[in-house]
Amino acid sequence: PAPPVQLESGDLLVLLTDGVDEALSTREEFFGTA
């Protein structure tokens, strides 16, 4: 297990599959995590 994480008001948890950051444009550029 990873160490426990304390959540605070205003925090935002985002869970994704690789279809999001690996989506390709017509220029063959990845959407990317940035």
PDB file of all heavy atoms in Angstrom:
ATOM      1  N   PRO A   1       0.827  -1.207   0.000  1.00  0.00           N
ATOM      2  CA  PRO A   1       0.000   0.000   0.000  1.00  0.00           C
ATOM      3  C   PRO A   1       0.864   1.261   0.000  1.00  0.00           C
ATOM      4  O   PRO A   1       1.968   1.294   0.558  1.00  0.00           O
ATOM      5  CB  PRO A   1      -0.791  -0.122   1.297  1.00  0.00           C
ATOM      6  CG  PRO A   1       0.091  -0.957   2.189  1.00  0.00           C
ATOM      7  CD  PRO A   1       0.784  -1.931   1.288  1.00  0.00           C
ATOM      8  N   ALA A   2       0.387   2.287  -0.638  1.00  0.00           N
ATOM      9  CA  ALA A   2       1.041   3.585  -0.589  1.00  0.00           C
ATOM     10  C   ALA A   2       0.728   4.231   0.767  1.00  0.00           C
ATOM     11  O   ALA A   2      -0.257   3.871   1.425  1.00  0.00           O
ATOM     12  CB  ALA A   2       0.547   4.463  -1.728  1.00  0.00           C
ATOM     13  N   PRO A   3       1.514   5.181   1.194  1.00  0.00           N
ATOM     14  CA  PRO A   3       1.231   5.861   2.466  1.00  0.00           C
ATOM     15  C   PRO A   3      -0.130   6.540   2.434  1.00  0.00           C
ATOM     16  O   PRO A   3      -0.578   7.011   1.383  1.00  0.00           O
ATOM     17  CB  PRO A   3       2.357   6.892   2.554  1.00  0.00           C
ATOM     18  CG  PRO A   3       3.442   6.368   1.675  1.00  0.00           C
ATOM     19  CD  PRO A   3       2.758   5.645   0.577  1.00  0.00           C
ATOM     20  N   PRO A   4      -0.824   6.612   3.554  1.00  0.00           N
ATOM     21  CA  PRO A   4      -2.131   7.283   3.591  1.00  0.00           C
ATOM     22  C   PRO A   4      -2.000   8.742   3.151  1.00  0.00           C
ATOM     23  O   PRO A   4      -0.991   9.393   3.401  1.00  0.00           O
ATOM     24  CB  PRO A   4      -2.555   7.176   5.054  1.00  0.00           C
ATOM     25  CG  PRO A   4      -1.777   6.022   5.587  1.00  0.00           C
ATOM     26  CD  PRO A   4      -0.470   6.026   4.864  1.00  0.00           C
ATOM     27  N   VAL A   5      -3.036   9.220   2.512  1.00  0.00           N
ATOM     28  CA  VAL A   5      -3.060  10.602   2.033  1.00  0.00           C
ATOM     29  C   VAL A   5      -4.206  11.324   2.732  1.00  0.00           C
ATOM     30  O   VAL A   5      -5.339  10.831   2.736  1.00  0.00           O
ATOM     31  CB  VAL A   5      -3.250  10.657   0.507  1.00  0.00           C
ATOM     32  CG1 VAL A   5      -3.311  12.097   0.027  1.00  0.00           C
ATOM     33  CG2 VAL A   5      -2.131   9.895  -0.194  1.00  0.00           C
ATOM     34  N   GLN A   6      -3.928  12.487   3.312  1.00  0.00           N
ATOM     35  CA  GLN A   6      -4.962  13.266   3.971  1.00  0.00           C
ATOM     36  C   GLN A   6      -5.598  14.225   2.972  1.00  0.00           C
ATOM     37  O   GLN A   6      -4.929  15.054   2.367  1.00  0.00           O
ATOM     38  CB  GLN A   6      -4.379  14.063   5.145  1.00  0.00           C
ATOM     39  CG  GLN A   6      -5.427  14.744   5.996  1.00  0.00           C
ATOM     40  CD  GLN A   6      -6.367  13.739   6.664  1.00  0.00           C
ATOM     41  OE1 GLN A   6      -5.930  12.732   7.215  1.00  0.00           O
ATOM     42  NE2 GLN A   6      -7.668  14.011   6.588  1.00  0.00           N
ATOM     43  N   LEU A   7      -6.902  14.070   2.773  1.00  0.00           N
ATOM     44  CA  LEU A   7      -7.634  14.939   1.861  1.00  0.00           C
ATOM     45  C   LEU A   7      -8.116  16.181   2.597  1.00  0.00           C
ATOM     46  O   LEU A   7      -8.513  16.105   3.770  1.00  0.00           O
ATOM     47  CB  LEU A   7      -8.829  14.198   1.259  1.00  0.00           C
ATOM     48  CG  LEU A   7      -8.504  12.905   0.501  1.00  0.00           C
ATOM     49  CD1 LEU A   7      -9.795  12.246  -0.004  1.00  0.00           C
ATOM     50  CD2 LEU A   7      -7.582  13.177  -0.674  1.00  0.00           C
ATOM     51  N   GLU A   8      -8.095  17.305   1.903  1.00  0.00           N
ATOM     52  CA  GLU A   8      -8.508  18.568   2.490  1.00  0.00           C
ATOM     53  C   GLU A   8      -9.565  19.228   1.617  1.00  0.00           C
ATOM     54  O   GLU A   8      -9.693  18.925   0.430  1.00  0.00           O
ATOM     55  CB  GLU A   8      -7.298  19.495   2.635  1.00  0.00           C
ATOM     56  CG  GLU A   8      -6.194  18.905   3.512  1.00  0.00           C
ATOM     57  CD  GLU A   8      -4.939  19.768   3.510  1.00  0.00           C
ATOM     58  OE1 GLU A   8      -4.837  20.651   2.626  1.00  0.00           O
ATOM     59  OE2 GLU A   8      -4.087  19.568   4.387  1.00  0.00           O
ATOM     60  N   SER A   9     -10.311  20.132   2.229  1.00  0.00           N
ATOM     61  CA  SER A   9     -11.344  20.841   1.470  1.00  0.00           C
ATOM     62  C   SER A   9     -10.729  21.539   0.265  1.00  0.00           C
ATOM     63  O   SER A   9      -9.677  22.185   0.378  1.00  0.00           O
ATOM     64  CB  SER A   9     -12.032  21.874   2.374  1.00  0.00           C
ATOM     65  OG  SER A   9     -12.742  21.237   3.405  1.00  0.00           O
ATOM     66  N   GLY A  10     -11.383  21.388  -0.884  1.00  0.00           N
ATOM     67  CA  GLY A  10     -10.868  21.987  -2.113  1.00  0.00           C
ATOM     68  C   GLY A  10     -10.034  21.044  -2.941  1.00  0.00           C
ATOM     69  O   GLY A  10      -9.736  21.342  -4.113  1.00  0.00           O
ATOM     70  N   ASP A  11      -9.630  19.911  -2.338  1.00  0.00           N
ATOM     71  CA  ASP A  11      -8.838  18.944  -3.101  1.00  0.00           C
ATOM     72  C   ASP A  11      -9.686  18.340  -4.226  1.00  0.00           C
ATOM     73  O   ASP A  11     -10.919  18.236  -4.126  1.00  0.00           O
ATOM     74  CB  ASP A  11      -8.338  17.816  -2.197  1.00  0.00           C
ATOM     75  CG  ASP A  11      -7.132  18.242  -1.368  1.00  0.00           C
ATOM     76  OD1 ASP A  11      -6.645  19.368  -1.579  1.00  0.00           O
ATOM     77  OD2 ASP A  11      -6.684  17.444  -0.527  1.00  0.00           O
ATOM     78  N   LEU A  12      -8.996  17.927  -5.269  1.00  0.00           N
ATOM     79  CA  LEU A  12      -9.652  17.353  -6.439  1.00  0.00           C
ATOM     80  C   LEU A  12      -8.895  16.103  -6.852  1.00  0.00           C
ATOM     81  O   LEU A  12      -7.717  16.169  -7.199  1.00  0.00           O
ATOM     82  CB  LEU A  12      -9.664  18.373  -7.586  1.00  0.00           C
ATOM     83  CG  LEU A  12     -10.579  18.104  -8.763  1.00  0.00           C
ATOM     84  CD1 LEU A  12     -12.037  18.230  -8.348  1.00  0.00           C
ATOM     85  CD2 LEU A  12     -10.287  19.084  -9.892  1.00  0.00           C
ATOM     86  N   LEU A  13      -9.565  14.956  -6.780  1.00  0.00           N
ATOM     87  CA  LEU A  13      -8.966  13.683  -7.181  1.00  0.00           C
ATOM     88  C   LEU A  13      -9.408  13.365  -8.598  1.00  0.00           C
ATOM     89  O   LEU A  13     -10.607  13.321  -8.899  1.00  0.00           O
ATOM     90  CB  LEU A  13      -9.415  12.573  -6.226  1.00  0.00           C
ATOM     91  CG  LEU A  13      -8.919  11.149  -6.517  1.00  0.00           C
ATOM     92  CD1 LEU A  13      -7.407  11.067  -6.403  1.00  0.00           C
ATOM     93  CD2 LEU A  13      -9.587  10.143  -5.580  1.00  0.00           C
ATOM     94  N   VAL A  14      -8.443  13.140  -9.521  1.00  0.00           N
ATOM     95  CA  VAL A  14      -8.745  12.881 -10.926  1.00  0.00           C
ATOM     96  C   VAL A  14      -8.120  11.547 -11.334  1.00  0.00           C
ATOM     97  O   VAL A  14      -6.896  11.387 -11.300  1.00  0.00           O
ATOM     98  CB  VAL A  14      -8.214  14.011 -11.836  1.00  0.00           C
ATOM     99  CG1 VAL A  14      -8.514  13.693 -13.305  1.00  0.00           C
ATOM    100  CG2 VAL A  14      -8.842  15.340 -11.442  1.00  0.00           C
ATOM    101  N   LEU A  15      -8.966  10.590 -11.693  1.00  0.00           N
ATOM    102  CA  LEU A  15      -8.524   9.270 -12.137  1.00  0.00           C
ATOM    103  C   LEU A  15      -8.859   9.133 -13.620  1.00  0.00           C
ATOM    104  O   LEU A  15     -10.000   9.356 -14.024  1.00  0.00           O
ATOM    105  CB  LEU A  15      -9.228   8.164 -11.345  1.00  0.00           C
ATOM    106  CG  LEU A  15      -9.322   8.334  -9.821  1.00  0.00           C
ATOM    107  CD1 LEU A  15     -10.022   7.127  -9.215  1.00  0.00           C
ATOM    108  CD2 LEU A  15      -7.941   8.532  -9.209  1.00  0.00           C
ATOM    109  N   LEU A  16      -7.876   8.735 -14.418  1.00  0.00           N
ATOM    110  CA  LEU A  16      -8.047   8.659 -15.859  1.00  0.00           C
ATOM    111  C   LEU A  16      -7.465   7.363 -16.408  1.00  0.00           C
ATOM    112  O   LEU A  16      -6.585   6.763 -15.794  1.00  0.00           O
ATOM    113  CB  LEU A  16      -7.344   9.831 -16.561  1.00  0.00           C
ATOM    114  CG  LEU A  16      -7.714  11.243 -16.125  1.00  0.00           C
ATOM    115  CD1 LEU A  16      -6.755  12.240 -16.759  1.00  0.00           C
ATOM    116  CD2 LEU A  16      -9.139  11.566 -16.523  1.00  0.00           C
ATOM    117  N   THR A  17      -7.944   6.957 -17.599  1.00  0.00           N
ATOM    118  CA  THR A  17      -7.269   5.909 -18.365  1.00  0.00           C
ATOM    119  C   THR A  17      -6.424   6.577 -19.445  1.00  0.00           C
ATOM    120  O   THR A  17      -6.564   7.779 -19.720  1.00  0.00           O
ATOM    121  CB  THR A  17      -8.281   4.949 -19.016  1.00  0.00           C
ATOM    122  OG1 THR A  17      -9.163   5.685 -19.863  1.00  0.00           O
ATOM    123  CG2 THR A  17      -9.078   4.210 -17.958  1.00  0.00           C
ATOM    124  N   ASP A  18      -5.540   5.795 -20.073  1.00  0.00           N
ATOM    125  CA  ASP A  18      -4.580   6.395 -21.001  1.00  0.00           C
ATOM    126  C   ASP A  18      -5.202   6.878 -22.298  1.00  0.00           C
ATOM    127  O   ASP A  18      -4.539   7.534 -23.109  1.00  0.00           O
ATOM    128  CB  ASP A  18      -3.441   5.414 -21.312  1.00  0.00           C
ATOM    129  CG  ASP A  18      -3.933   4.099 -21.911  1.00  0.00           C
ATOM    130  OD1 ASP A  18      -5.126   4.022 -22.269  1.00  0.00           O
ATOM    131  OD2 ASP A  18      -3.122   3.175 -22.023  1.00  0.00           O
ATOM    132  N   GLY A  19      -6.499   6.572 -22.519  1.00  0.00           N
ATOM    133  CA  GLY A  19      -7.152   7.088 -23.717  1.00  0.00           C
ATOM    134  C   GLY A  19      -7.243   8.594 -23.744  1.00  0.00           C
ATOM    135  O   GLY A  19      -7.393   9.195 -24.818  1.00  0.00           O
ATOM    136  N   VAL A  20      -7.135   9.242 -22.568  1.00  0.00           N
ATOM    137  CA  VAL A  20      -7.217  10.707 -22.498  1.00  0.00           C
ATOM    138  C   VAL A  20      -5.900  11.336 -22.920  1.00  0.00           C
ATOM    139  O   VAL A  20      -5.835  12.087 -23.895  1.00  0.00           O
ATOM    140  CB  VAL A  20      -7.609  11.164 -21.085  1.00  0.00           C
ATOM    141  CG1 VAL A  20      -7.659  12.686 -21.016  1.00  0.00           C
ATOM    142  CG2 VAL A  20      -8.959  10.575 -20.691  1.00  0.00           C
ATOM    143  N   ASP A  21      -4.812  11.020 -22.211  1.00  0.00           N
ATOM    144  CA  ASP A  21      -3.541  11.696 -22.540  1.00  0.00           C
ATOM    145  C   ASP A  21      -2.938  11.195 -23.849  1.00  0.00           C
ATOM    146  O   ASP A  21      -2.142  11.897 -24.474  1.00  0.00           O
ATOM    147  CB  ASP A  21      -2.532  11.540 -21.395  1.00  0.00           C
ATOM    148  CG  ASP A  21      -2.056  10.114 -21.227  1.00  0.00           C
ATOM    149  OD1 ASP A  21      -2.756   9.313 -20.604  1.00  0.00           O
ATOM    150  OD2 ASP A  21      -0.960   9.806 -21.731  1.00  0.00           O
ATOM    151  N   GLU A  22      -3.349   9.994 -24.333  1.00  0.00           N
ATOM    152  CA  GLU A  22      -2.805   9.470 -25.584  1.00  0.00           C
ATOM    153  C   GLU A  22      -3.695   9.747 -26.792  1.00  0.00           C
ATOM    154  O   GLU A  22      -3.435   9.251 -27.883  1.00  0.00           O
ATOM    155  CB  GLU A  22      -2.568   7.960 -25.463  1.00  0.00           C
ATOM    156  CG  GLU A  22      -1.458   7.609 -24.480  1.00  0.00           C
ATOM    157  CD  GLU A  22      -1.206   6.114 -24.383  1.00  0.00           C
ATOM    158  OE1 GLU A  22      -1.881   5.354 -25.105  1.00  0.00           O
ATOM    159  OE2 GLU A  22      -0.347   5.715 -23.577  1.00  0.00           O
ATOM    160  N   ALA A  23      -4.727  10.576 -26.624  1.00  0.00           N
ATOM    161  CA  ALA A  23      -5.555  10.974 -27.760  1.00  0.00           C
ATOM    162  C   ALA A  23      -4.702  11.744 -28.764  1.00  0.00           C
ATOM    163  O   ALA A  23      -3.907  12.602 -28.392  1.00  0.00           O
ATOM    164  CB  ALA A  23      -6.730  11.823 -27.288  1.00  0.00           C
ATOM    165  N   LEU A  24      -4.878  11.430 -30.059  1.00  0.00           N
ATOM    166  CA  LEU A  24      -4.038  12.026 -31.110  1.00  0.00           C
ATOM    167  C   LEU A  24      -4.798  13.091 -31.888  1.00  0.00           C
ATOM    168  O   LEU A  24      -5.991  12.964 -32.160  1.00  0.00           O
ATOM    169  CB  LEU A  24      -3.579  10.946 -32.091  1.00  0.00           C
ATOM    170  CG  LEU A  24      -2.356  10.118 -31.711  1.00  0.00           C
ATOM    171  CD1 LEU A  24      -2.162   9.005 -32.721  1.00  0.00           C
ATOM    172  CD2 LEU A  24      -1.108  10.977 -31.652  1.00  0.00           C
ATOM    173  N   SER A  25      -4.077  14.143 -32.253  1.00  0.00           N
ATOM    174  CA  SER A  25      -4.620  15.153 -33.152  1.00  0.00           C
ATOM    175  C   SER A  25      -4.322  14.742 -34.591  1.00  0.00           C
ATOM    176  O   SER A  25      -3.634  13.755 -34.849  1.00  0.00           O
ATOM    177  CB  SER A  25      -3.983  16.514 -32.859  1.00  0.00           C
ATOM    178  OG  SER A  25      -2.625  16.514 -33.276  1.00  0.00           O
ATOM    179  N   THR A  26      -4.819  15.519 -35.532  1.00  0.00           N
ATOM    180  CA  THR A  26      -4.538  15.240 -36.942  1.00  0.00           C
ATOM    181  C   THR A  26      -3.063  15.427 -37.264  1.00  0.00           C
ATOM    182  O   THR A  26      -2.574  14.947 -38.280  1.00  0.00           O
ATOM    183  CB  THR A  26      -5.378  16.150 -37.843  1.00  0.00           C
ATOM    184  OG1 THR A  26      -5.119  17.520 -37.497  1.00  0.00           O
ATOM    185  CG2 THR A  26      -6.861  15.855 -37.677  1.00  0.00           C
ATOM    186  N   ARG A  27      -2.348  16.127 -36.398  1.00  0.00           N
ATOM    187  CA  ARG A  27      -0.897  16.330 -36.584  1.00  0.00           C
ATOM    188  C   ARG A  27      -0.093  15.248 -35.882  1.00  0.00           C
ATOM    189  O   ARG A  27       1.130  15.378 -35.723  1.00  0.00           O
ATOM    190  CB  ARG A  27      -0.494  17.708 -36.049  1.00  0.00           C
ATOM    191  CG  ARG A  27      -1.207  18.859 -36.756  1.00  0.00           C
ATOM    192  CD  ARG A  27      -0.873  20.197 -36.131  1.00  0.00           C
ATOM    193  NE  ARG A  27      -1.326  20.267 -34.741  1.00  0.00           N
ATOM    194  CZ  ARG A  27      -2.572  20.541 -34.372  1.00  0.00           C
ATOM    195  NH1 ARG A  27      -3.504  20.732 -35.304  1.00  0.00           N
ATOM    196  NH2 ARG A  27      -2.917  20.596 -33.110  1.00  0.00           N
ATOM    197  N   GLU A  28      -0.811  14.190 -35.412  1.00  0.00           N
ATOM    198  CA  GLU A  28      -0.185  13.062 -34.704  1.00  0.00           C
ATOM    199  C   GLU A  28       0.522  13.535 -33.437  1.00  0.00           C
ATOM    200  O   GLU A  28       1.592  13.058 -33.077  1.00  0.00           O
ATOM    201  CB  GLU A  28       0.780  12.306 -35.621  1.00  0.00           C
ATOM    202  CG  GLU A  28       0.099  11.680 -36.825  1.00  0.00           C
ATOM    203  CD  GLU A  28       1.008  10.733 -37.580  1.00  0.00           C
ATOM    204  OE1 GLU A  28       2.105  10.438 -37.082  1.00  0.00           O
ATOM    205  OE2 GLU A  28       0.609  10.279 -38.668  1.00  0.00           O
ATOM    206  N   GLU A  29      -0.113  14.467 -32.730  1.00  0.00           N
ATOM    207  CA  GLU A  29       0.400  14.978 -31.461  1.00  0.00           C
ATOM    208  C   GLU A  29      -0.491  14.468 -30.337  1.00  0.00           C
ATOM    209  O   GLU A  29      -1.722  14.470 -30.455  1.00  0.00           O
ATOM    210  CB  GLU A  29       0.397  16.508 -31.486  1.00  0.00           C
ATOM    211  CG  GLU A  29       0.902  17.151 -30.210  1.00  0.00           C
ATOM    212  CD  GLU A  29       0.832  18.675 -30.275  1.00  0.00           C
ATOM    213  OE1 GLU A  29       0.345  19.210 -31.292  1.00  0.00           O
ATOM    214  OE2 GLU A  29       1.247  19.316 -29.304  1.00  0.00           O
ATOM    215  N   PHE A  30       0.125  13.995 -29.232  1.00  0.00           N
ATOM    216  CA  PHE A  30      -0.644  13.489 -28.101  1.00  0.00           C
ATOM    217  C   PHE A  30      -1.265  14.643 -27.313  1.00  0.00           C
ATOM    218  O   PHE A  30      -0.682  15.729 -27.202  1.00  0.00           O
ATOM    219  CB  PHE A  30       0.240  12.662 -27.170  1.00  0.00           C
ATOM    220  CG  PHE A  30       0.623  11.324 -27.732  1.00  0.00           C
ATOM    221  CD1 PHE A  30       1.948  11.022 -28.008  1.00  0.00           C
ATOM    222  CD2 PHE A  30      -0.349  10.366 -27.990  1.00  0.00           C
ATOM    223  CE1 PHE A  30       2.296   9.796 -28.530  1.00  0.00           C
ATOM    224  CE2 PHE A  30      -0.007   9.125 -28.504  1.00  0.00           C
ATOM    225  CZ  PHE A  30       1.323   8.844 -28.771  1.00  0.00           C
ATOM    226  N   PHE A  31      -2.426  14.386 -26.713  1.00  0.00           N
ATOM    227  CA  PHE A  31      -3.059  15.381 -25.847  1.00  0.00           C
ATOM    228  C   PHE A  31      -2.163  15.662 -24.648  1.00  0.00           C
ATOM    229  O   PHE A  31      -1.920  16.813 -24.297  1.00  0.00           O
ATOM    230  CB  PHE A  31      -4.434  14.873 -25.394  1.00  0.00           C
ATOM    231  CG  PHE A  31      -5.237  15.888 -24.641  1.00  0.00           C
ATOM    232  CD1 PHE A  31      -5.859  16.920 -25.303  1.00  0.00           C
ATOM    233  CD2 PHE A  31      -5.363  15.806 -23.257  1.00  0.00           C
ATOM    234  CE1 PHE A  31      -6.604  17.870 -24.602  1.00  0.00           C
ATOM    235  CE2 PHE A  31      -6.105  16.735 -22.550  1.00  0.00           C
ATOM    236  CZ  PHE A  31      -6.725  17.772 -23.219  1.00  0.00           C
ATOM    237  N   GLY A  32      -1.664  14.617 -24.016  1.00  0.00           N
ATOM    238  CA  GLY A  32      -0.632  14.747 -22.996  1.00  0.00           C
ATOM    239  C   GLY A  32      -1.140  15.193 -21.635  1.00  0.00           C
ATOM    240  O   GLY A  32      -2.205  15.797 -21.491  1.00  0.00           O
ATOM    241  N   THR A  33      -0.336  14.895 -20.604  1.00  0.00           N
ATOM    242  CA  THR A  33      -0.721  15.239 -19.230  1.00  0.00           C
ATOM    243  C   THR A  33      -0.660  16.738 -18.967  1.00  0.00           C
ATOM    244  O   THR A  33      -1.411  17.248 -18.129  1.00  0.00           O
ATOM    245  CB  THR A  33       0.205  14.518 -18.231  1.00  0.00           C
ATOM    246  OG1 THR A  33       1.574  14.828 -18.537  1.00  0.00           O
ATOM    247  CG2 THR A  33       0.011  13.017 -18.296  1.00  0.00           C
ATOM    248  N   ALA A  34       0.193  17.465 -19.675  1.00  0.00           N
ATOM    249  CA  ALA A  34       0.282  18.913 -19.450  1.00  0.00           C
ATOM    250  C   ALA A  34      -1.053  19.579 -19.768  1.00  0.00           C
ATOM    251  O   ALA A  34      -1.515  20.480 -19.039  1.00  0.00           O
ATOM    252  CB  ALA A  34       1.397  19.515 -20.298  1.00  0.00           C
TER     253      ALA A  34
END
